[in-house]
Amino acid sequence: MTDQTNNYRIGIIGGTGLGDILHDQMHPEDTVIHEPKTPFGPASSPIVTGCINETRIAILQKHGKGHILNPSQVPYRANIYALKMLGCTHVIASGATGSLREDIAPGDLVVCDQLIDRTDGRERTFYDRAAVHVEFADPFCPVMREWLIDAAEDMDDTRIHSTGCYICIEGPGFSTRAESHMYRQWGADLVGMTALPEARLAREAEMAYALIALPTDYDCWRVREHDTDGVSLLEEIIENLNCATNAAFSLINRALRDISTLIAQPSPAHEALNLAIWSDKSLIDRAEIDRLEVLWGKYFPQEIAMH
């Protein structure tokens, strides 16, 4: 492993299925289980670090072991902070979605490029005691998106869409049919429940972030052609999720074989706080500077940090 590669660690946030598959590919002698303490409480699950294809990674199960956390209960701040503490420079997230477009079929993969936020009440910033405004026009790292799309070029067995707008709803209930049609009119291609505030927090933590969406079914805008009972529909969704999960693993595994693109092209996210801290730094409470030192410590001169 080169010295340059050692400077990078890819955080992978996914469901239990993807986490288990990735864990099985890690070098056993390098695997370590972490339960870091953050200012925002514990992460959703213990974080497993190790290597795949000589690339350092950290795996976190978003919904906790056994999928016990619904989307509103996921400790997004603790998760992102914990990955930052463990040295993650980049994050790949994956998550099940409903498709809002005929041409995005269940079992496809989508490397998303845009977001619409319809969540309500979630903690969406680390910086409760300072004015910090990160640029978020393009919520997903363009370098990571290019890297993933390039890795997908020879995946002939899976259809992968290089763009897609993900609308994040609060949940845990699904959309009404009227809402589903409205989201399509707004330009959304997928509907899910977990991309936000996760992507926004990753930007605040100066970590490059990419999202691979896993469509499991068509959202309710599309009337099913035949009657299907609830059990059959659930079985179909689970089958599609398993198919998409395996495809996501294949894509991530291919991408991890060569991270030279990430090394050669620094992500804009890595300097997201450079012009984002609007507060007078000399007036920010020292305890708050120290509490979030992992995130923004480099932007405080020593004389300010010690005031």
Protein backbone atom coordinates (compact mmCIF):
# COMPACT_ATOMS: atom_id res chain seq x y z
CA MET A 1 0.00 0.00 0.00
CA THR A 2 1.46 3.36 -1.04
CA ASP A 3 1.92 6.29 1.30
CA GLN A 4 -0.58 8.28 -0.78
CA THR A 5 -3.22 5.58 -0.42
CA ASN A 6 -2.65 5.58 3.34
CA ASN A 7 -3.88 9.18 3.45
CA TYR A 8 -7.33 8.13 2.26
CA ARG A 9 -10.07 6.12 3.91
CA ILE A 10 -13.44 5.48 2.29
CA GLY A 11 -16.42 5.38 4.62
CA ILE A 12 -19.24 3.15 3.39
CA ILE A 13 -22.71 3.70 4.82
CA GLY A 14 -25.21 1.06 3.86
CA GLY A 15 -27.70 -1.52 4.97
CA THR A 16 -26.97 -4.78 6.73
CA GLY A 17 -26.76 -6.76 3.49
CA LEU A 18 -24.14 -4.58 1.83
CA GLY A 19 -22.19 -4.26 5.08
CA ASP A 20 -22.02 -8.03 5.50
CA ILE A 21 -20.86 -8.58 1.92
CA LEU A 22 -18.16 -5.93 2.21
CA HIS A 23 -17.05 -7.24 5.59
CA ASP A 24 -16.49 -10.69 4.06
CA GLN A 25 -14.10 -9.14 1.52
CA MET A 26 -11.88 -7.43 4.09
CA HIS A 27 -8.48 -8.75 5.10
CA PRO A 28 -9.18 -10.41 8.47
CA GLU A 29 -5.81 -9.43 9.95
CA ASP A 30 -6.56 -5.73 9.37
CA THR A 31 -10.14 -5.69 10.64
CA VAL A 32 -10.85 -3.58 13.72
CA ILE A 33 -14.21 -2.81 15.35
CA HIS A 34 -14.65 0.73 16.71
CA GLU A 35 -17.31 2.30 18.91
CA PRO A 36 -16.18 5.94 18.96
CA LYS A 37 -17.70 8.43 21.35
CA THR A 38 -18.86 11.61 19.62
CA PRO A 39 -20.30 14.90 20.91
CA PHE A 40 -23.56 13.69 19.38
CA GLY A 41 -23.76 10.29 21.03
CA PRO A 42 -23.01 6.85 19.59
CA ALA A 43 -23.18 5.98 15.91
CA SER A 44 -25.89 3.73 14.53
CA SER A 45 -23.62 0.71 14.80
CA PRO A 46 -20.04 -0.22 15.59
CA ILE A 47 -17.78 0.78 12.69
CA VAL A 48 -15.58 -1.87 11.11
CA THR A 49 -12.32 -0.71 9.54
CA GLY A 50 -10.00 -2.68 7.31
CA CYS A 51 -8.92 -2.96 3.69
CA ILE A 52 -10.46 -4.06 0.41
CA ASN A 53 -8.23 -4.14 -2.66
CA GLU A 54 -5.54 -2.37 -0.59
CA THR A 55 -7.86 0.58 0.03
CA ARG A 56 -8.64 1.52 3.62
CA ILE A 57 -12.37 1.51 4.35
CA ALA A 58 -14.78 1.93 7.25
CA ILE A 59 -18.20 0.25 7.20
CA LEU A 60 -21.18 1.64 9.11
CA GLN A 61 -24.69 0.15 9.14
CA LYS A 62 -27.02 3.14 8.90
CA HIS A 63 -30.05 1.54 10.52
CA GLY A 64 -28.11 -0.31 13.21
CA LYS A 65 -27.71 -4.03 13.71
CA GLY A 66 -30.97 -5.73 12.86
CA HIS A 67 -32.32 -2.60 11.12
CA ILE A 68 -33.82 -1.25 14.35
CA LEU A 69 -33.60 2.48 13.54
CA ASN A 70 -36.18 4.03 11.27
CA PRO A 71 -35.02 6.91 9.02
CA SER A 72 -36.05 9.60 11.50
CA GLN A 73 -34.15 7.90 14.32
CA VAL A 74 -30.81 7.47 12.56
CA PRO A 75 -28.17 9.53 14.44
CA TYR A 76 -26.85 11.22 11.31
CA ARG A 77 -24.58 13.67 13.15
CA ALA A 78 -22.98 10.94 15.24
CA ASN A 79 -22.48 8.73 12.17
CA ILE A 80 -20.71 11.36 10.09
CA TYR A 81 -18.69 12.65 13.04
CA ALA A 82 -17.56 9.10 13.90
CA LEU A 83 -16.39 8.45 10.34
CA LYS A 84 -14.48 11.74 10.39
CA MET A 85 -12.85 10.75 13.71
CA LEU A 86 -11.67 7.51 12.08
CA GLY A 87 -9.96 9.40 9.27
CA CYS A 88 -12.50 9.04 6.48
CA THR A 89 -11.90 11.45 3.62
CA HIS A 90 -14.66 10.13 1.35
CA VAL A 91 -18.05 8.52 1.92
CA ILE A 92 -20.08 6.20 -0.30
CA ALA A 93 -23.68 5.86 0.85
CA SER A 94 -26.26 3.45 -0.48
CA GLY A 95 -29.94 3.15 0.21
CA ALA A 96 -33.20 1.69 -1.03
CA THR A 97 -35.46 4.04 -2.99
CA GLY A 98 -38.67 4.06 -4.96
CA SER A 99 -38.42 4.91 -8.64
CA LEU A 100 -40.31 7.91 -9.98
CA ARG A 101 -39.38 7.25 -13.61
CA GLU A 102 -40.40 4.50 -16.00
CA ASP A 103 -36.85 4.10 -17.28
CA ILE A 104 -35.35 3.59 -13.79
CA ALA A 105 -36.33 0.00 -13.14
CA PRO A 106 -36.19 -1.92 -9.88
CA GLY A 107 -32.76 -3.53 -9.60
CA ASP A 108 -30.99 -0.71 -11.48
CA LEU A 109 -28.41 1.49 -9.76
CA VAL A 110 -28.37 5.30 -9.80
CA VAL A 111 -25.31 7.45 -9.09
CA CYS A 112 -27.25 10.48 -7.89
CA ASP A 113 -26.34 14.06 -8.76
CA GLN A 114 -29.08 16.12 -7.06
CA LEU A 115 -31.24 16.28 -3.92
CA ILE A 116 -34.54 17.75 -2.79
CA ASP A 117 -35.12 17.98 0.96
CA ARG A 118 -38.59 17.20 2.32
CA THR A 119 -37.48 16.09 5.79
CA ASP A 120 -38.83 17.79 8.88
CA GLY A 121 -37.31 18.09 12.34
CA ARG A 122 -33.99 16.33 11.80
CA GLU A 123 -30.81 17.88 13.17
CA ARG A 124 -29.13 19.13 10.00
CA THR A 125 -25.97 20.91 11.16
CA PHE A 126 -23.06 20.31 13.51
CA TYR A 127 -22.69 24.02 14.17
CA ASP A 128 -25.47 24.98 16.59
CA ARG A 129 -23.38 27.72 18.23
CA ALA A 130 -21.84 29.45 15.24
CA ALA A 131 -22.91 30.74 11.83
CA VAL A 132 -21.54 28.19 9.36
CA HIS A 133 -22.96 28.19 5.81
CA VAL A 134 -21.55 25.54 3.46
CA GLU A 135 -22.04 25.69 -0.31
CA PHE A 136 -24.37 22.86 -1.31
CA ALA A 137 -25.51 23.59 -4.87
CA ASP A 138 -24.02 20.29 -6.02
CA PRO A 139 -24.56 17.96 -3.05
CA PHE A 140 -22.58 15.01 -4.40
CA CYS A 141 -18.85 15.06 -5.06
CA PRO A 142 -18.18 15.33 -8.82
CA VAL A 143 -14.85 13.53 -8.48
CA MET A 144 -16.41 10.56 -6.70
CA ARG A 145 -19.28 10.43 -9.18
CA GLU A 146 -16.84 10.30 -12.09
CA TRP A 147 -14.84 7.59 -10.27
CA LEU A 148 -17.93 5.43 -9.70
CA ILE A 149 -19.29 5.93 -13.21
CA ASP A 150 -15.94 4.96 -14.72
CA ALA A 151 -15.89 1.83 -12.56
CA ALA A 152 -19.34 0.89 -13.89
CA GLU A 153 -18.34 0.90 -17.56
CA ASP A 154 -17.85 -2.85 -17.88
CA MET A 155 -20.76 -3.93 -15.67
CA ASP A 156 -22.88 -5.33 -18.48
CA ASP A 157 -25.21 -7.24 -16.16
CA THR A 158 -26.56 -4.13 -14.39
CA ARG A 159 -28.09 -0.94 -15.74
CA ILE A 160 -26.47 2.03 -14.04
CA HIS A 161 -27.80 5.56 -14.40
CA SER A 162 -25.16 8.29 -14.20
CA THR A 163 -27.56 10.97 -12.95
CA GLY A 164 -30.65 11.11 -10.78
CA CYS A 165 -32.45 13.54 -8.48
CA TYR A 166 -33.30 12.01 -5.08
CA ILE A 167 -36.11 13.53 -3.03
CA CYS A 168 -35.72 12.75 0.66
CA ILE A 169 -38.97 12.51 2.62
CA GLU A 170 -39.30 12.22 6.38
CA GLY A 171 -41.01 8.86 6.54
CA PRO A 172 -41.29 6.34 7.97
CA GLY A 173 -44.58 6.12 6.06
CA PHE A 174 -44.50 6.11 2.28
CA SER A 175 -45.87 8.84 0.01
CA THR A 176 -49.47 9.35 -1.03
CA ARG A 177 -50.21 8.95 -4.71
CA ALA A 178 -50.74 12.71 -5.01
CA GLU A 179 -47.33 13.37 -3.42
CA SER A 180 -45.68 10.84 -5.71
CA HIS A 181 -47.09 12.61 -8.79
CA MET A 182 -46.01 15.97 -7.34
CA TYR A 183 -42.44 14.76 -6.84
CA ARG A 184 -42.33 13.70 -10.50
CA GLN A 185 -43.51 17.17 -11.53
CA TRP A 186 -40.75 18.69 -9.41
CA GLY A 187 -38.14 16.76 -11.40
CA ALA A 188 -37.30 14.08 -8.85
CA ASP A 189 -36.30 10.66 -10.18
CA LEU A 190 -36.15 8.72 -6.90
CA VAL A 191 -37.78 8.94 -3.50
CA GLY A 192 -36.04 7.82 -0.32
CA MET A 193 -35.75 8.66 3.37
CA THR A 194 -32.07 8.75 4.40
CA ALA A 195 -29.88 10.88 2.09
CA LEU A 196 -30.54 13.97 4.19
CA PRO A 197 -29.24 15.41 6.40
CA GLU A 198 -26.45 12.87 5.84
CA ALA A 199 -25.12 14.45 2.64
CA ARG A 200 -25.27 17.95 4.12
CA LEU A 201 -23.42 16.86 7.27
CA ALA A 202 -20.73 15.18 5.20
CA ARG A 203 -20.17 18.49 3.42
CA GLU A 204 -19.94 20.29 6.78
CA ALA A 205 -17.35 17.69 7.83
CA GLU A 206 -15.37 18.32 4.60
CA MET A 207 -15.79 14.75 3.41
CA ALA A 208 -16.47 13.98 -0.24
CA TYR A 209 -19.81 12.17 -0.50
CA ALA A 210 -21.47 10.07 -3.19
CA LEU A 211 -24.77 8.19 -3.18
CA ILE A 212 -25.63 4.97 -4.98
CA ALA A 213 -29.42 4.65 -4.95
CA LEU A 214 -30.99 1.19 -5.06
CA PRO A 215 -34.48 1.31 -6.61
CA THR A 216 -36.55 -1.55 -5.19
CA ASP A 217 -39.91 -0.75 -6.78
CA TYR A 218 -41.85 1.91 -8.63
CA ASP A 219 -43.33 4.42 -6.22
CA CYS A 220 -47.13 4.61 -6.02
CA TRP A 221 -47.48 7.06 -8.96
CA ARG A 222 -47.36 3.97 -11.18
CA VAL A 223 -50.46 1.83 -10.99
CA ARG A 224 -49.62 -1.85 -10.92
CA GLU A 225 -50.84 -3.75 -13.95
CA HIS A 226 -52.25 -6.60 -11.88
CA ASP A 227 -53.45 -7.11 -8.36
CA THR A 228 -50.69 -8.11 -5.96
CA ASP A 229 -51.22 -8.92 -2.32
CA GLY A 230 -49.03 -7.34 0.35
CA VAL A 231 -46.94 -10.45 0.92
CA SER A 232 -46.15 -10.90 -2.77
CA LEU A 233 -45.27 -7.22 -3.12
CA LEU A 234 -42.93 -7.34 -0.13
CA GLU A 235 -41.24 -10.47 -1.51
CA GLU A 236 -40.77 -8.69 -4.85
CA ILE A 237 -39.25 -5.63 -3.16
CA ILE A 238 -36.87 -7.76 -1.08
CA GLU A 239 -35.79 -9.66 -4.19
CA ASN A 240 -35.13 -6.38 -6.02
CA LEU A 241 -33.25 -5.02 -3.00
CA ASN A 242 -31.03 -8.11 -2.85
CA CYS A 243 -30.32 -7.80 -6.57
CA ALA A 244 -29.47 -4.10 -6.28
CA THR A 245 -27.36 -4.70 -3.15
CA ASN A 246 -25.25 -7.28 -4.96
CA ALA A 247 -24.86 -4.91 -7.90
CA ALA A 248 -23.86 -2.07 -5.55
CA PHE A 249 -21.24 -4.30 -3.97
CA SER A 250 -19.87 -5.16 -7.41
CA LEU A 251 -19.65 -1.47 -8.34
CA ILE A 252 -18.00 -0.45 -5.06
CA ASN A 253 -15.57 -3.37 -5.22
CA ARG A 254 -14.54 -2.41 -8.74
CA ALA A 255 -14.10 1.23 -7.76
CA LEU A 256 -11.95 0.33 -4.75
CA ARG A 257 -9.47 -1.45 -7.02
CA ASP A 258 -8.15 1.91 -8.17
CA ILE A 259 -8.55 5.15 -6.21
CA SER A 260 -6.01 7.06 -8.28
CA THR A 261 -8.77 9.40 -9.51
CA LEU A 262 -9.55 10.38 -5.92
CA ILE A 263 -5.87 10.94 -5.19
CA ALA A 264 -5.24 12.97 -8.33
CA GLN A 265 -8.32 15.20 -8.03
CA PRO A 266 -9.01 16.66 -4.58
CA SER A 267 -12.71 17.02 -3.91
CA PRO A 268 -14.16 20.55 -3.54
CA ALA A 269 -15.74 19.20 -0.33
CA HIS A 270 -12.34 18.97 1.32
CA GLU A 271 -12.25 22.76 1.66
CA ALA A 272 -15.97 23.30 2.26
CA LEU A 273 -15.42 25.33 5.44
CA ASN A 274 -12.79 27.61 3.96
CA LEU A 275 -15.27 30.47 3.40
CA ALA A 276 -18.20 29.02 5.35
CA ILE A 277 -17.47 30.16 8.91
CA TRP A 278 -19.15 33.57 9.06
CA SER A 279 -18.91 34.10 12.80
CA ASP A 280 -16.07 36.16 14.27
CA LYS A 281 -13.77 33.30 15.23
CA SER A 282 -12.36 35.22 18.18
CA LEU A 283 -15.85 35.34 19.70
CA ILE A 284 -16.72 31.65 19.38
CA ASP A 285 -16.60 29.94 22.74
CA ARG A 286 -13.39 27.98 23.23
CA ALA A 287 -15.33 24.99 24.56
CA GLU A 288 -17.24 24.87 21.29
CA ILE A 289 -14.05 25.12 19.25
CA ASP A 290 -12.61 22.21 21.22
CA ARG A 291 -15.83 20.19 21.10
CA LEU A 292 -15.84 20.20 17.30
CA GLU A 293 -12.07 20.29 16.79
CA VAL A 294 -12.21 17.17 14.56
CA LEU A 295 -14.38 19.07 12.11
CA TRP A 296 -13.07 22.64 12.04
CA GLY A 297 -9.93 22.80 14.18
CA LYS A 298 -7.65 23.60 11.25
CA TYR A 299 -9.48 26.89 10.65
CA PHE A 300 -8.71 28.32 14.08
CA PRO A 301 -5.27 29.86 14.61
CA GLN A 302 -3.59 28.65 17.75
CA GLU A 303 -3.97 31.99 19.49
CA ILE A 304 -7.74 31.86 18.95
CA ALA A 305 -8.00 28.24 20.01
CA MET A 306 -6.20 29.10 23.27
CA HIS A 307 -8.12 32.31 24.09
